[in-house]
Amino acid sequence: MNLSDRSNATQLVTALDKTGAKTPAAVTESYATTIRVSDAVRAIGVRPETVYAAIAAALTRGDDPASDAEVQRILASGQISNGGVIAGVDDIAFSRFREVCTEHADQIVLALRKPFDTAAKTLIDAHQVLGSIDLADTDTVVRKGDNAASKWAQATAAAATVKNIVLGWAALAAFTGRTSDNIRHQVLRISAPSYEQWMSQELEGKHADPWALVILGLDLALPTMSGYRDRVAVIAQGAQQVAAEQEEDERAYLTGRRPTDRKVTVL
């Protein structure tokens, strides 16, 4: 088993639990089975010296230790408890869970989307009261009064909820392999900016910080795996178009022609 499988699976389930998302029953049941199998194979092992007493007991009774059920159980337990067997069992257990998560990936995202949307609305409402302040700037919050303090508390909790959901979403993407989650595109996990916004607001490589994106005026929305790929495609296509236009302009200059007039998008 890939060592990251357990980590990703745990991170996904933790995000679902922490945010109160209504996890698809098949996912909950499969995860419970996976952990039960994974834990159980680790509990089978016995210390090698345990077999000594069982062999002695069989001999005392006049029985053949090689055919004694207790001796065989202990020896089999020792063989099962080696690292290779445990890894193999884990691989099967988590592979089954991966299949379930892959099959229900969209339903998982939809489950996460409910607390996400609630948190996003809370952040937007708080921004109208607090303005574009740093949530860590508690001094400014205190000076704004009790209503601001209440909104700050709500915004802080909502931002934490979104961040937990992002961790779960990223874990789902990595665990299932349903989409490539490039670190340069973190913002696309929770927002769908146009290419012009992407460039003008220098979003490449920025963290998926929900409060920062609200301040920038971007809408917050959690995508399905295919929706995320569509967002990446918008950015890629925008870059390709700009590159093509630049190449066209360079050819125009080289041949003494006037570059094409293009509409400037006003953000």
C-alpha atoms as a PDB file:
ATOM      1  CA  MET A   1       0.000   0.000   0.000  1.00  0.00           C
ATOM      2  CA  ASN A   2       1.160   3.477  -0.790  1.00  0.00           C
ATOM      3  CA  LEU A   3       1.859   5.091   2.585  1.00  0.00           C
ATOM      4  CA  SER A   4      -0.124   8.157   1.556  1.00  0.00           C
ATOM      5  CA  ASP A   5      -3.297   6.101   1.015  1.00  0.00           C
ATOM      6  CA  ARG A   6      -4.130   5.836   4.710  1.00  0.00           C
ATOM      7  CA  SER A   7      -3.250   9.507   5.211  1.00  0.00           C
ATOM      8  CA  ASN A   8      -5.458  10.663   2.324  1.00  0.00           C
ATOM      9  CA  ALA A   9      -8.324   8.407   3.353  1.00  0.00           C
ATOM     10  CA  THR A  10      -8.134   9.622   6.946  1.00  0.00           C
ATOM     11  CA  GLN A  11      -7.905  13.261   5.858  1.00  0.00           C
ATOM     12  CA  LEU A  12     -10.955  12.902   3.639  1.00  0.00           C
ATOM     13  CA  VAL A  13     -13.082  11.232   6.311  1.00  0.00           C
ATOM     14  CA  THR A  14     -11.899  13.724   8.939  1.00  0.00           C
ATOM     15  CA  ALA A  15     -12.985  16.623   6.730  1.00  0.00           C
ATOM     16  CA  LEU A  16     -16.395  15.054   6.215  1.00  0.00           C
ATOM     17  CA  ASP A  17     -16.801  14.505   9.960  1.00  0.00           C
ATOM     18  CA  LYS A  18     -15.496  17.908  11.078  1.00  0.00           C
ATOM     19  CA  THR A  19     -17.705  19.858   8.714  1.00  0.00           C
ATOM     20  CA  GLY A  20     -20.853  17.846   9.380  1.00  0.00           C
ATOM     21  CA  ALA A  21     -21.181  16.826   5.741  1.00  0.00           C
ATOM     22  CA  LYS A  22     -23.672  14.058   5.053  1.00  0.00           C
ATOM     23  CA  THR A  23     -21.313  11.382   3.804  1.00  0.00           C
ATOM     24  CA  PRO A  24     -22.731   8.851   1.309  1.00  0.00           C
ATOM     25  CA  ALA A  25     -23.598   5.665   3.212  1.00  0.00           C
ATOM     26  CA  ALA A  26     -21.490   3.499   0.894  1.00  0.00           C
ATOM     27  CA  VAL A  27     -18.412   5.601   1.691  1.00  0.00           C
ATOM     28  CA  THR A  28     -18.999   5.472   5.443  1.00  0.00           C
ATOM     29  CA  GLU A  29     -19.515   1.707   5.398  1.00  0.00           C
ATOM     30  CA  SER A  30     -16.529   1.059   3.164  1.00  0.00           C
ATOM     31  CA  TYR A  31     -14.212   3.161   5.306  1.00  0.00           C
ATOM     32  CA  ALA A  32     -15.355   1.398   8.479  1.00  0.00           C
ATOM     33  CA  THR A  33     -14.651  -1.968   6.841  1.00  0.00           C
ATOM     34  CA  THR A  34     -11.256  -0.790   5.585  1.00  0.00           C
ATOM     35  CA  ILE A  35     -10.115   0.368   9.010  1.00  0.00           C
ATOM     36  CA  ARG A  36     -11.491  -2.750  10.687  1.00  0.00           C
ATOM     37  CA  VAL A  37      -9.540  -5.014   8.324  1.00  0.00           C
ATOM     38  CA  SER A  38      -6.392  -2.892   8.564  1.00  0.00           C
ATOM     39  CA  ASP A  39      -6.465  -2.837  12.370  1.00  0.00           C
ATOM     40  CA  ALA A  40      -7.394  -6.503  12.659  1.00  0.00           C
ATOM     41  CA  VAL A  41      -4.440  -7.793  10.654  1.00  0.00           C
ATOM     42  CA  ARG A  42      -2.135  -5.880  12.981  1.00  0.00           C
ATOM     43  CA  ALA A  43      -3.753  -7.448  16.047  1.00  0.00           C
ATOM     44  CA  ILE A  44      -3.195 -11.037  14.935  1.00  0.00           C
ATOM     45  CA  GLY A  45       0.496 -11.231  15.757  1.00  0.00           C
ATOM     46  CA  VAL A  46       1.885 -13.035  18.783  1.00  0.00           C
ATOM     47  CA  ARG A  47       5.360 -13.123  20.294  1.00  0.00           C
ATOM     48  CA  PRO A  48       7.465 -16.007  18.843  1.00  0.00           C
ATOM     49  CA  GLU A  49       8.147 -17.456  22.298  1.00  0.00           C
ATOM     50  CA  THR A  50       4.405 -17.990  22.830  1.00  0.00           C
ATOM     51  CA  VAL A  51       4.641 -21.218  20.857  1.00  0.00           C
ATOM     52  CA  TYR A  52       6.981 -22.790  23.419  1.00  0.00           C
ATOM     53  CA  ALA A  53       4.241 -23.290  26.002  1.00  0.00           C
ATOM     54  CA  ALA A  54       1.836 -24.656  23.377  1.00  0.00           C
ATOM     55  CA  ILE A  55       4.403 -27.202  22.167  1.00  0.00           C
ATOM     56  CA  ALA A  56       5.188 -28.229  25.727  1.00  0.00           C
ATOM     57  CA  ALA A  57       1.476 -28.654  26.496  1.00  0.00           C
ATOM     58  CA  ALA A  58       0.986 -30.871  23.421  1.00  0.00           C
ATOM     59  CA  LEU A  59       3.958 -33.031  24.332  1.00  0.00           C
ATOM     60  CA  THR A  60       2.735 -33.313  27.914  1.00  0.00           C
ATOM     61  CA  ARG A  61      -0.573 -34.677  26.632  1.00  0.00           C
ATOM     62  CA  GLY A  62       1.317 -37.057  24.373  1.00  0.00           C
ATOM     63  CA  ASP A  63       0.101 -35.282  21.223  1.00  0.00           C
ATOM     64  CA  ASP A  64       2.075 -34.400  18.104  1.00  0.00           C
ATOM     65  CA  PRO A  65       2.821 -30.627  18.288  1.00  0.00           C
ATOM     66  CA  ALA A  66       2.882 -30.431  14.495  1.00  0.00           C
ATOM     67  CA  SER A  67      -0.819 -31.317  14.339  1.00  0.00           C
ATOM     68  CA  ASP A  68      -1.848 -29.430  17.482  1.00  0.00           C
ATOM     69  CA  ALA A  69      -4.446 -26.730  16.736  1.00  0.00           C
ATOM     70  CA  GLU A  70      -2.997 -24.202  19.213  1.00  0.00           C
ATOM     71  CA  VAL A  71       0.541 -24.646  17.921  1.00  0.00           C
ATOM     72  CA  GLN A  72      -0.673 -24.249  14.344  1.00  0.00           C
ATOM     73  CA  ARG A  73      -2.675 -21.126  15.282  1.00  0.00           C
ATOM     74  CA  ILE A  74       0.344 -19.500  16.896  1.00  0.00           C
ATOM     75  CA  LEU A  75       2.655 -20.332  13.997  1.00  0.00           C
ATOM     76  CA  ALA A  76       0.111 -19.075  11.466  1.00  0.00           C
ATOM     77  CA  SER A  77      -0.358 -15.880  13.476  1.00  0.00           C
ATOM     78  CA  GLY A  78       3.382 -15.287  13.379  1.00  0.00           C
ATOM     79  CA  GLN A  79       3.447 -15.674   9.610  1.00  0.00           C
ATOM     80  CA  ILE A  80       0.479 -13.339   9.151  1.00  0.00           C
ATOM     81  CA  SER A  81       1.935 -10.631  11.361  1.00  0.00           C
ATOM     82  CA  ASN A  82       4.987  -9.929   9.195  1.00  0.00           C
ATOM     83  CA  GLY A  83       5.279  -6.575   7.455  1.00  0.00           C
ATOM     84  CA  GLY A  84       4.792  -7.927   3.948  1.00  0.00           C
ATOM     85  CA  VAL A  85       1.473  -9.595   4.764  1.00  0.00           C
ATOM     86  CA  ILE A  86       0.202  -6.525   6.648  1.00  0.00           C
ATOM     87  CA  ALA A  87       1.113  -4.290   3.704  1.00  0.00           C
ATOM     88  CA  GLY A  88      -0.620  -6.644   1.294  1.00  0.00           C
ATOM     89  CA  VAL A  89      -3.826  -6.720   3.339  1.00  0.00           C
ATOM     90  CA  ASP A  90      -3.759  -2.926   3.675  1.00  0.00           C
ATOM     91  CA  ASP A  91      -3.332  -2.595  -0.072  1.00  0.00           C
ATOM     92  CA  ILE A  92      -6.446  -4.690  -0.712  1.00  0.00           C
ATOM     93  CA  ALA A  93      -8.497  -2.911   1.971  1.00  0.00           C
ATOM     94  CA  PHE A  94      -7.623   0.611   0.857  1.00  0.00           C
ATOM     95  CA  SER A  95      -7.892  -0.286  -2.829  1.00  0.00           C
ATOM     96  CA  ARG A  96     -11.500  -1.315  -2.197  1.00  0.00           C
ATOM     97  CA  PHE A  97     -12.136   1.952  -0.385  1.00  0.00           C
ATOM     98  CA  ARG A  98     -10.531   3.858  -3.269  1.00  0.00           C
ATOM     99  CA  GLU A  99     -12.924   2.170  -5.690  1.00  0.00           C
ATOM    100  CA  VAL A 100     -15.900   3.269  -3.590  1.00  0.00           C
ATOM    101  CA  CYS A 101     -14.584   6.840  -3.289  1.00  0.00           C
ATOM    102  CA  THR A 102     -13.919   6.996  -7.021  1.00  0.00           C
ATOM    103  CA  GLU A 103     -17.429   5.777  -7.780  1.00  0.00           C
ATOM    104  CA  HIS A 104     -18.981   8.278  -5.359  1.00  0.00           C
ATOM    105  CA  ALA A 105     -16.537  11.170  -5.870  1.00  0.00           C
ATOM    106  CA  ASP A 106     -19.193  13.595  -7.103  1.00  0.00           C
ATOM    107  CA  GLN A 107     -21.537  12.696  -4.235  1.00  0.00           C
ATOM    108  CA  ILE A 108     -18.703  13.277  -1.764  1.00  0.00           C
ATOM    109  CA  VAL A 109     -18.057  16.720  -3.219  1.00  0.00           C
ATOM    110  CA  LEU A 110     -21.773  17.520  -3.127  1.00  0.00           C
ATOM    111  CA  ALA A 111     -21.828  16.507   0.538  1.00  0.00           C
ATOM    112  CA  LEU A 112     -18.890  18.821   1.246  1.00  0.00           C
ATOM    113  CA  ARG A 113     -20.458  21.572  -0.825  1.00  0.00           C
ATOM    114  CA  LYS A 114     -23.319  22.142   1.621  1.00  0.00           C
ATOM    115  CA  PRO A 115     -21.151  23.217   4.577  1.00  0.00           C
ATOM    116  CA  PHE A 116     -18.838  24.953   2.083  1.00  0.00           C
ATOM    117  CA  ASP A 117     -21.653  27.111   0.689  1.00  0.00           C
ATOM    118  CA  THR A 118     -22.853  27.965   4.185  1.00  0.00           C
ATOM    119  CA  ALA A 119     -19.341  29.005   5.196  1.00  0.00           C
ATOM    120  CA  ALA A 120     -18.890  31.023   1.992  1.00  0.00           C
ATOM    121  CA  LYS A 121     -22.084  32.992   2.682  1.00  0.00           C
ATOM    122  CA  THR A 122     -20.894  33.647   6.235  1.00  0.00           C
ATOM    123  CA  LEU A 123     -17.614  35.036   4.903  1.00  0.00           C
ATOM    124  CA  ILE A 124     -19.382  37.315   2.417  1.00  0.00           C
ATOM    125  CA  ASP A 125     -21.719  38.635   5.113  1.00  0.00           C
ATOM    126  CA  ALA A 126     -18.804  39.196   7.482  1.00  0.00           C
ATOM    127  CA  HIS A 127     -16.859  41.048   4.802  1.00  0.00           C
ATOM    128  CA  GLN A 128     -19.694  43.541   4.420  1.00  0.00           C
ATOM    129  CA  VAL A 129     -19.333  44.404   8.116  1.00  0.00           C
ATOM    130  CA  LEU A 130     -15.597  44.001   8.654  1.00  0.00           C
ATOM    131  CA  GLY A 131     -14.302  45.222   5.333  1.00  0.00           C
ATOM    132  CA  SER A 132     -11.019  44.020   3.875  1.00  0.00           C
ATOM    133  CA  ILE A 133      -9.191  43.518   7.148  1.00  0.00           C
ATOM    134  CA  ASP A 134      -6.792  40.776   8.157  1.00  0.00           C
ATOM    135  CA  LEU A 135      -8.707  38.330  10.329  1.00  0.00           C
ATOM    136  CA  ALA A 136      -5.612  38.127  12.524  1.00  0.00           C
ATOM    137  CA  ASP A 137      -5.907  41.869  13.250  1.00  0.00           C
ATOM    138  CA  THR A 138      -8.044  41.555  16.380  1.00  0.00           C
ATOM    139  CA  ASP A 139      -7.247  45.108  17.495  1.00  0.00           C
ATOM    140  CA  THR A 140      -9.095  46.511  14.503  1.00  0.00           C
ATOM    141  CA  VAL A 141     -11.991  44.145  15.137  1.00  0.00           C
ATOM    142  CA  VAL A 142     -12.316  45.310  18.742  1.00  0.00           C
ATOM    143  CA  ARG A 143     -12.373  48.956  17.674  1.00  0.00           C
ATOM    144  CA  LYS A 144     -15.240  48.225  15.282  1.00  0.00           C
ATOM    145  CA  GLY A 145     -17.553  47.160  18.134  1.00  0.00           C
ATOM    146  CA  ASP A 146     -19.589  44.164  19.271  1.00  0.00           C
ATOM    147  CA  ASN A 147     -21.252  43.422  15.927  1.00  0.00           C
ATOM    148  CA  ALA A 148     -17.842  43.334  14.279  1.00  0.00           C
ATOM    149  CA  ALA A 149     -16.540  40.995  16.957  1.00  0.00           C
ATOM    150  CA  SER A 150     -19.466  38.634  16.355  1.00  0.00           C
ATOM    151  CA  LYS A 151     -18.941  38.696  12.593  1.00  0.00           C
ATOM    152  CA  TRP A 152     -15.210  38.168  13.095  1.00  0.00           C
ATOM    153  CA  ALA A 153     -15.846  35.050  15.175  1.00  0.00           C
ATOM    154  CA  GLN A 154     -18.233  33.722  12.527  1.00  0.00           C
ATOM    155  CA  ALA A 155     -15.794  34.505   9.723  1.00  0.00           C
ATOM    156  CA  THR A 156     -12.902  32.848  11.535  1.00  0.00           C
ATOM    157  CA  ALA A 157     -14.945  29.681  12.067  1.00  0.00           C
ATOM    158  CA  ALA A 158     -16.185  29.743   8.456  1.00  0.00           C
ATOM    159  CA  ALA A 159     -12.651  30.149   7.098  1.00  0.00           C
ATOM    160  CA  ALA A 160     -11.543  27.160   9.175  1.00  0.00           C
ATOM    161  CA  THR A 161     -14.458  25.133   7.794  1.00  0.00           C
ATOM    162  CA  VAL A 162     -13.499  25.958   4.217  1.00  0.00           C
ATOM    163  CA  LYS A 163      -9.870  25.078   4.867  1.00  0.00           C
ATOM    164  CA  ASN A 164     -10.893  21.698   6.318  1.00  0.00           C
ATOM    165  CA  ILE A 165     -13.049  21.082   3.271  1.00  0.00           C
ATOM    166  CA  VAL A 166     -10.157  21.995   0.967  1.00  0.00           C
ATOM    167  CA  LEU A 167      -7.980  19.451   2.770  1.00  0.00           C
ATOM    168  CA  GLY A 168     -10.678  16.827   2.282  1.00  0.00           C
ATOM    169  CA  TRP A 169     -11.164  17.774  -1.366  1.00  0.00           C
ATOM    170  CA  ALA A 170      -7.415  17.582  -2.049  1.00  0.00           C
ATOM    171  CA  ALA A 171      -7.235  14.220  -0.287  1.00  0.00           C
ATOM    172  CA  LEU A 172     -10.101  12.921  -2.443  1.00  0.00           C
ATOM    173  CA  ALA A 173      -8.325  14.101  -5.595  1.00  0.00           C
ATOM    174  CA  ALA A 174      -5.046  12.467  -4.579  1.00  0.00           C
ATOM    175  CA  PHE A 175      -6.609   9.248  -3.274  1.00  0.00           C
ATOM    176  CA  THR A 176      -8.820   8.591  -6.281  1.00  0.00           C
ATOM    177  CA  GLY A 177      -6.582  10.089  -8.939  1.00  0.00           C
ATOM    178  CA  ARG A 178      -9.699  11.595 -10.515  1.00  0.00           C
ATOM    179  CA  THR A 179      -7.850  14.817 -11.269  1.00  0.00           C
ATOM    180  CA  SER A 180      -4.359  16.257 -11.170  1.00  0.00           C
ATOM    181  CA  ASP A 181      -4.201  18.848  -8.384  1.00  0.00           C
ATOM    182  CA  ASN A 182      -1.286  21.135  -9.267  1.00  0.00           C
ATOM    183  CA  ILE A 183       0.001  23.266  -6.405  1.00  0.00           C
ATOM    184  CA  ARG A 184       0.070  26.264  -8.777  1.00  0.00           C
ATOM    185  CA  HIS A 185      -3.715  26.022  -9.107  1.00  0.00           C
ATOM    186  CA  GLN A 186      -4.714  25.928  -5.442  1.00  0.00           C
ATOM    187  CA  VAL A 187      -7.118  28.862  -5.856  1.00  0.00           C
ATOM    188  CA  LEU A 188      -9.109  26.818  -8.385  1.00  0.00           C
ATOM    189  CA  ARG A 189     -10.060  24.401  -5.624  1.00  0.00           C
ATOM    190  CA  ILE A 190     -12.504  26.969  -4.265  1.00  0.00           C
ATOM    191  CA  SER A 191     -13.007  29.583  -6.975  1.00  0.00           C
ATOM    192  CA  ALA A 192     -13.414  29.877 -10.746  1.00  0.00           C
ATOM    193  CA  PRO A 193     -11.687  33.090 -11.847  1.00  0.00           C
ATOM    194  CA  SER A 194     -11.496  34.141 -15.460  1.00  0.00           C
ATOM    195  CA  TYR A 195      -8.080  34.136 -17.099  1.00  0.00           C
ATOM    196  CA  GLU A 196      -8.028  37.929 -16.850  1.00  0.00           C
ATOM    197  CA  GLN A 197      -8.674  37.737 -13.099  1.00  0.00           C
ATOM    198  CA  TRP A 198      -6.097  34.988 -12.782  1.00  0.00           C
ATOM    199  CA  MET A 199      -3.449  37.192 -14.300  1.00  0.00           C
ATOM    200  CA  SER A 200      -4.405  40.619 -12.954  1.00  0.00           C
ATOM    201  CA  GLN A 201      -4.759  39.361  -9.384  1.00  0.00           C
ATOM    202  CA  GLU A 202      -1.691  37.131  -9.637  1.00  0.00           C
ATOM    203  CA  LEU A 203      -3.509  34.033  -8.411  1.00  0.00           C
ATOM    204  CA  GLU A 204      -1.039  31.431  -9.639  1.00  0.00           C
ATOM    205  CA  GLY A 205       0.567  29.666  -6.695  1.00  0.00           C
ATOM    206  CA  LYS A 206      -1.553  31.464  -4.099  1.00  0.00           C
ATOM    207  CA  HIS A 207      -3.109  29.495  -1.263  1.00  0.00           C
ATOM    208  CA  ALA A 208      -6.809  28.683  -1.358  1.00  0.00           C
ATOM    209  CA  ASP A 209      -7.458  31.228   1.415  1.00  0.00           C
ATOM    210  CA  PRO A 210     -11.230  31.846   1.357  1.00  0.00           C
ATOM    211  CA  TRP A 211     -11.119  35.184   3.190  1.00  0.00           C
ATOM    212  CA  ALA A 212      -8.402  36.544   0.892  1.00  0.00           C
ATOM    213  CA  LEU A 213     -10.430  35.551  -2.169  1.00  0.00           C
ATOM    214  CA  VAL A 214     -13.575  37.194  -0.785  1.00  0.00           C
ATOM    215  CA  ILE A 215     -11.556  40.387  -0.315  1.00  0.00           C
ATOM    216  CA  LEU A 216     -10.498  40.136  -3.971  1.00  0.00           C
ATOM    217  CA  GLY A 217     -14.161  39.921  -4.951  1.00  0.00           C
ATOM    218  CA  LEU A 218     -14.024  36.348  -6.211  1.00  0.00           C
ATOM    219  CA  ASP A 219     -16.950  33.966  -5.786  1.00  0.00           C
ATOM    220  CA  LEU A 220     -16.336  30.858  -3.719  1.00  0.00           C
ATOM    221  CA  ALA A 221     -17.498  27.533  -5.153  1.00  0.00           C
ATOM    222  CA  LEU A 222     -16.345  23.960  -4.544  1.00  0.00           C
ATOM    223  CA  PRO A 223     -15.925  22.031  -7.809  1.00  0.00           C
ATOM    224  CA  THR A 224     -16.390  18.391  -8.636  1.00  0.00           C
ATOM    225  CA  MET A 225     -13.282  16.720 -10.004  1.00  0.00           C
ATOM    226  CA  SER A 226     -14.418  17.344 -13.578  1.00  0.00           C
ATOM    227  CA  GLY A 227     -15.393  20.905 -12.667  1.00  0.00           C
ATOM    228  CA  TYR A 228     -11.902  21.507 -11.363  1.00  0.00           C
ATOM    229  CA  ARG A 229     -10.399  20.238 -14.615  1.00  0.00           C
ATOM    230  CA  ASP A 230     -12.659  22.683 -16.475  1.00  0.00           C
ATOM    231  CA  ARG A 231     -11.301  25.526 -14.342  1.00  0.00           C
ATOM    232  CA  VAL A 232      -7.738  24.516 -15.115  1.00  0.00           C
ATOM    233  CA  ALA A 233      -8.644  24.352 -18.803  1.00  0.00           C
ATOM    234  CA  VAL A 234      -9.947  27.946 -18.719  1.00  0.00           C
ATOM    235  CA  ILE A 235      -6.580  29.147 -17.424  1.00  0.00           C
ATOM    236  CA  ALA A 236      -4.618  27.000 -19.868  1.00  0.00           C
ATOM    237  CA  GLN A 237      -6.716  28.137 -22.810  1.00  0.00           C
ATOM    238  CA  GLY A 238      -6.345  31.759 -21.766  1.00  0.00           C
ATOM    239  CA  ALA A 239      -2.575  31.400 -21.625  1.00  0.00           C
ATOM    240  CA  GLN A 240      -2.543  29.705 -25.016  1.00  0.00           C
ATOM    241  CA  GLN A 241      -4.643  32.474 -26.527  1.00  0.00           C
ATOM    242  CA  VAL A 242      -2.370  35.179 -25.152  1.00  0.00           C
ATOM    243  CA  ALA A 243       0.702  33.326 -26.421  1.00  0.00           C
ATOM    244  CA  ALA A 244      -0.876  32.964 -29.871  1.00  0.00           C
ATOM    245  CA  GLU A 245      -1.781  36.656 -29.970  1.00  0.00           C
ATOM    246  CA  GLN A 246       1.732  37.651 -28.947  1.00  0.00           C
ATOM    247  CA  GLU A 247       3.169  35.446 -31.675  1.00  0.00           C
ATOM    248  CA  GLU A 248       0.777  37.006 -34.202  1.00  0.00           C
ATOM    249  CA  ASP A 249       1.778  40.515 -33.110  1.00  0.00           C
ATOM    250  CA  GLU A 250       5.470  39.669 -33.385  1.00  0.00           C
ATOM    251  CA  ARG A 251       4.955  38.407 -36.938  1.00  0.00           C
ATOM    252  CA  ALA A 252       3.098  41.617 -37.729  1.00  0.00           C
ATOM    253  CA  TYR A 253       5.955  43.764 -36.472  1.00  0.00           C
ATOM    254  CA  LEU A 254       8.506  41.717 -38.362  1.00  0.00           C
ATOM    255  CA  THR A 255       6.595  42.131 -41.619  1.00  0.00           C
ATOM    256  CA  GLY A 256       5.811  45.808 -41.095  1.00  0.00           C
ATOM    257  CA  ARG A 257       2.091  45.277 -40.540  1.00  0.00           C
ATOM    258  CA  ARG A 258      -0.070  46.853 -37.846  1.00  0.00           C
ATOM    259  CA  PRO A 259      -0.916  44.441 -35.003  1.00  0.00           C
ATOM    260  CA  THR A 260      -4.530  43.404 -34.666  1.00  0.00           C
ATOM    261  CA  ASP A 261      -6.676  45.651 -32.469  1.00  0.00           C
ATOM    262  CA  ARG A 262      -8.134  43.550 -29.685  1.00  0.00           C
ATOM    263  CA  LYS A 263     -10.880  44.231 -27.183  1.00  0.00           C
ATOM    264  CA  VAL A 264      -9.531  44.884 -23.716  1.00  0.00           C
ATOM    265  CA  THR A 265     -11.492  43.158 -20.990  1.00  0.00           C
ATOM    266  CA  VAL A 266     -12.361  45.473 -18.108  1.00  0.00           C
ATOM    267  CA  LEU A 267     -12.455  43.657 -14.790  1.00  0.00           C
END
